[in-house]
C-alpha atoms as a PDB file:
ATOM      1  CA  MET A   1     -24.165  -8.727  11.920  1.00  0.00           C
ATOM      2  CA  LEU A   2     -24.078  -9.311   8.337  1.00  0.00           C
ATOM      3  CA  ILE A   3     -25.113  -5.576   7.763  1.00  0.00           C
ATOM      4  CA  LEU A   4     -22.163  -4.376   9.951  1.00  0.00           C
ATOM      5  CA  ILE A   5     -19.944  -7.168   7.771  1.00  0.00           C
ATOM      6  CA  TRP A   6     -20.772  -5.897   4.589  1.00  0.00           C
ATOM      7  CA  SER A   7     -20.691  -2.199   5.608  1.00  0.00           C
ATOM      8  CA  LEU A   8     -17.053  -2.584   6.515  1.00  0.00           C
ATOM      9  CA  ALA A   9     -16.680  -4.345   3.156  1.00  0.00           C
ATOM     10  CA  ALA A  10     -17.982  -1.561   1.581  1.00  0.00           C
ATOM     11  CA  LEU A  11     -15.584   1.144   3.560  1.00  0.00           C
ATOM     12  CA  GLY A  12     -12.521  -1.323   2.599  1.00  0.00           C
ATOM     13  CA  ILE A  13     -13.276  -1.061  -0.853  1.00  0.00           C
ATOM     14  CA  ALA A  14     -13.763   2.748  -0.584  1.00  0.00           C
ATOM     15  CA  LEU A  15     -10.298   2.650   1.171  1.00  0.00           C
ATOM     16  CA  CYS A  16      -8.719   0.531  -1.798  1.00  0.00           C
ATOM     17  CA  ALA A  17      -9.998   2.718  -4.211  1.00  0.00           C
ATOM     18  CA  LEU A  18      -8.313   5.837  -2.636  1.00  0.00           C
ATOM     19  CA  LEU A  19      -5.307   3.976  -1.857  1.00  0.00           C
ATOM     20  CA  ALA A  20      -4.862   2.954  -5.610  1.00  0.00           C
ATOM     21  CA  TRP A  21      -5.653   6.776  -6.553  1.00  0.00           C
ATOM     22  CA  ALA A  22      -3.057   8.058  -4.194  1.00  0.00           C
ATOM     23  CA  LEU A  23      -0.506   5.300  -5.893  1.00  0.00           C
ATOM     24  CA  TYR A  24      -1.326   6.438  -9.202  1.00  0.00           C
ATOM     25  CA  ALA A  25      -0.935  10.051  -8.537  1.00  0.00           C
ATOM     26  CA  LEU A  26       2.514   9.144  -6.814  1.00  0.00           C
ATOM     27  CA  LEU A  27       3.586   7.256  -9.853  1.00  0.00           C
ATOM     28  CA  ARG A  28       2.440   9.970 -12.215  1.00  0.00           C
ATOM     29  CA  MET A  29       4.631  12.511 -10.402  1.00  0.00           C
ATOM     30  CA  ASP A  30       7.743  13.738 -12.211  1.00  0.00           C
ATOM     31  CA  PRO A  31      10.626  11.734 -11.061  1.00  0.00           C
ATOM     32  CA  ALA A  32      12.922  14.714 -10.658  1.00  0.00           C
ATOM     33  CA  TRP A  33      11.890  15.762  -7.335  1.00  0.00           C
ATOM     34  CA  LEU A  34      14.120  12.981  -5.900  1.00  0.00           C
ATOM     35  CA  GLY A  35      17.212  14.381  -7.273  1.00  0.00           C
ATOM     36  CA  ASP A  36      16.900  16.830  -4.539  1.00  0.00           C
ATOM     37  CA  LEU A  37      17.671  14.115  -1.606  1.00  0.00           C
ATOM     38  CA  PRO A  38      21.685  14.030  -2.023  1.00  0.00           C
ATOM     39  CA  GLY A  39      21.958  17.819  -1.553  1.00  0.00           C
ATOM     40  CA  LEU A  40      19.318  17.664   1.562  1.00  0.00           C
ATOM     41  CA  ALA A  41      21.031  15.030   3.121  1.00  0.00           C
ATOM     42  CA  GLN A  42      24.307  16.977   2.911  1.00  0.00           C
ATOM     43  CA  ARG A  43      22.563  19.382   5.635  1.00  0.00           C
ATOM     44  CA  LEU A  44      22.067  16.326   8.214  1.00  0.00           C
ATOM     45  CA  PRO A  45      22.442  17.428  11.951  1.00  0.00           C
ATOM     46  CA  TRP A  46      24.084  14.206  12.516  1.00  0.00           C
ATOM     47  CA  GLN A  47      26.065  13.656   9.483  1.00  0.00           C
ATOM     48  CA  GLU A  48      29.302  13.016  11.079  1.00  0.00           C
ATOM     49  CA  GLY A  49      28.135   9.857  13.557  1.00  0.00           C
ATOM     50  CA  LEU A  50      26.633   8.542   9.602  1.00  0.00           C
ATOM     51  CA  ASP A  51      29.738   8.884   8.053  1.00  0.00           C
ATOM     52  CA  HIS A  52      31.385   7.310  10.938  1.00  0.00           C
ATOM     53  CA  PHE A  53      28.988   4.152  11.075  1.00  0.00           C
ATOM     54  CA  PHE A  54      28.108   3.413   7.734  1.00  0.00           C
ATOM     55  CA  PRO A  55      31.067   4.972   5.225  1.00  0.00           C
ATOM     56  CA  GLY A  56      30.043   5.515   1.861  1.00  0.00           C
ATOM     57  CA  TRP A  57      26.562   6.397   2.520  1.00  0.00           C
ATOM     58  CA  GLU A  58      26.458   8.996   0.241  1.00  0.00           C
ATOM     59  CA  GLU A  59      27.285   7.723  -2.698  1.00  0.00           C
ATOM     60  CA  LEU A  60      24.870   4.945  -2.006  1.00  0.00           C
ATOM     61  CA  LEU A  61      22.165   7.237  -1.655  1.00  0.00           C
ATOM     62  CA  ARG A  62      23.064   9.075  -4.930  1.00  0.00           C
ATOM     63  CA  TRP A  63      22.841   5.328  -6.276  1.00  0.00           C
ATOM     64  CA  ALA A  64      19.294   4.862  -4.947  1.00  0.00           C
ATOM     65  CA  VAL A  65      17.951   7.978  -6.190  1.00  0.00           C
ATOM     66  CA  GLU A  66      19.035   7.335  -9.718  1.00  0.00           C
ATOM     67  CA  ALA A  67      17.468   3.999  -9.374  1.00  0.00           C
ATOM     68  CA  ALA A  68      14.136   5.415  -7.690  1.00  0.00           C
ATOM     69  CA  GLN A  69      14.374   7.863 -10.696  1.00  0.00           C
ATOM     70  CA  TRP A  70      14.558   5.223 -13.432  1.00  0.00           C
ATOM     71  CA  LEU A  71      11.992   3.081 -11.019  1.00  0.00           C
ATOM     72  CA  LEU A  72       9.174   5.482 -11.224  1.00  0.00           C
ATOM     73  CA  GLY A  73       9.900   7.049 -14.609  1.00  0.00           C
ATOM     74  CA  TRP A  74       9.146   3.498 -15.671  1.00  0.00           C
ATOM     75  CA  ALA A  75       6.282   2.813 -13.502  1.00  0.00           C
ATOM     76  CA  GLY A  76       4.872   6.201 -14.481  1.00  0.00           C
ATOM     77  CA  SER A  77       3.951   5.163 -17.903  1.00  0.00           C
ATOM     78  CA  ALA A  78       2.219   1.962 -16.459  1.00  0.00           C
ATOM     79  CA  ALA A  79       0.807   3.538 -13.895  1.00  0.00           C
ATOM     80  CA  PRO A  80      -2.481   2.916 -14.891  1.00  0.00           C
ATOM     81  CA  VAL A  81      -2.409  -0.415 -14.924  1.00  0.00           C
ATOM     82  CA  VAL A  82      -0.312  -0.701 -11.473  1.00  0.00           C
ATOM     83  CA  ALA A  83      -3.336   1.412 -10.016  1.00  0.00           C
ATOM     84  CA  TRP A  84      -5.951  -1.070 -11.483  1.00  0.00           C
ATOM     85  CA  VAL A  85      -3.923  -3.942 -10.196  1.00  0.00           C
ATOM     86  CA  PHE A  86      -3.681  -2.897  -6.975  1.00  0.00           C
ATOM     87  CA  PHE A  87      -6.975  -1.926  -6.646  1.00  0.00           C
ATOM     88  CA  ALA A  88      -8.122  -5.473  -8.009  1.00  0.00           C
ATOM     89  CA  LEU A  89      -6.040  -7.198  -5.733  1.00  0.00           C
ATOM     90  CA  CYS A  90      -7.007  -5.238  -2.453  1.00  0.00           C
ATOM     91  CA  ALA A  91     -10.758  -5.439  -3.214  1.00  0.00           C
ATOM     92  CA  SER A  92     -10.678  -8.863  -3.644  1.00  0.00           C
ATOM     93  CA  PHE A  93      -8.767  -9.673  -0.267  1.00  0.00           C
ATOM     94  CA  VAL A  94     -11.760  -7.388   1.101  1.00  0.00           C
ATOM     95  CA  LEU A  95     -14.331  -9.208  -0.552  1.00  0.00           C
ATOM     96  CA  ALA A  96     -12.931 -12.767   0.429  1.00  0.00           C
ATOM     97  CA  GLY A  97     -12.428 -11.365   4.183  1.00  0.00           C
ATOM     98  CA  ALA A  98     -16.306 -10.334   3.986  1.00  0.00           C
ATOM     99  CA  GLY A  99     -17.557 -13.393   2.514  1.00  0.00           C
ATOM    100  CA  LEU A 100     -15.603 -15.538   5.211  1.00  0.00           C
ATOM    101  CA  LEU A 101     -16.763 -13.621   7.721  1.00  0.00           C
ATOM    102  CA  THR A 102     -20.312 -14.099   6.390  1.00  0.00           C
ATOM    103  CA  LEU A 103     -19.937 -18.128   6.036  1.00  0.00           C
ATOM    104  CA  SER A 104     -18.858 -18.342   9.734  1.00  0.00           C
ATOM    105  CA  VAL A 105     -21.692 -16.268  10.782  1.00  0.00           C
ATOM    106  CA  LYS A 106     -24.220 -18.460   9.057  1.00  0.00           C
ATOM    107  CA  LEU A 107     -22.410 -21.738  10.178  1.00  0.00           C
ATOM    108  CA  LEU A 108     -22.439 -20.394  13.756  1.00  0.00           C
ATOM    109  CA  ARG A 109     -26.023 -19.421  13.675  1.00  0.00           C
ATOM    110  CA  LYS A 110     -27.173 -22.839  11.974  1.00  0.00           C
ATOM    111  CA  ALA A 111     -24.887 -24.407  14.880  1.00  0.00           C
ATOM    112  CA  SER A 112     -26.738 -22.198  17.537  1.00  0.00           C
ATOM    113  CA  ALA A 113     -30.047 -23.353  16.017  1.00  0.00           C
ATOM    114  CA  ARG A 114     -29.302 -26.937  16.300  1.00  0.00           C
ATOM    115  CA  ARG A 115     -27.994 -26.684  19.867  1.00  0.00           C
ATOM    116  CA  ALA A 116     -31.351 -24.724  21.184  1.00  0.00           C
ATOM    117  CA  SER A 117     -33.341 -27.314  19.156  1.00  0.00           C
ATOM    118  CA  ALA A 118     -31.973 -30.103  20.757  1.00  0.00           C
END
């Protein structure tokens, strides 16, 4: 049982590393690609319905794109730190979970051994 727990923990840490790498790659991208979104939104097939239920959505989309470009530009310079912090948090949760599961297995084995000897 312990081998299964720690094998899954190793797999979880590998997944954390993969996600941290993907986050790093996303943050290092040029934020200019977001500038295409307002133009693409003009070609939505259900744009009239969106205008009816949410007037001003185009201006909000432009504002959100500008904010996202600024945020990605800022975060791109801090991408290595952000990726390492993400990996550290993710790996610590995985290791804490594996540690708690190991402790519970040990305690349950001890309790069942006591019941069997009594």
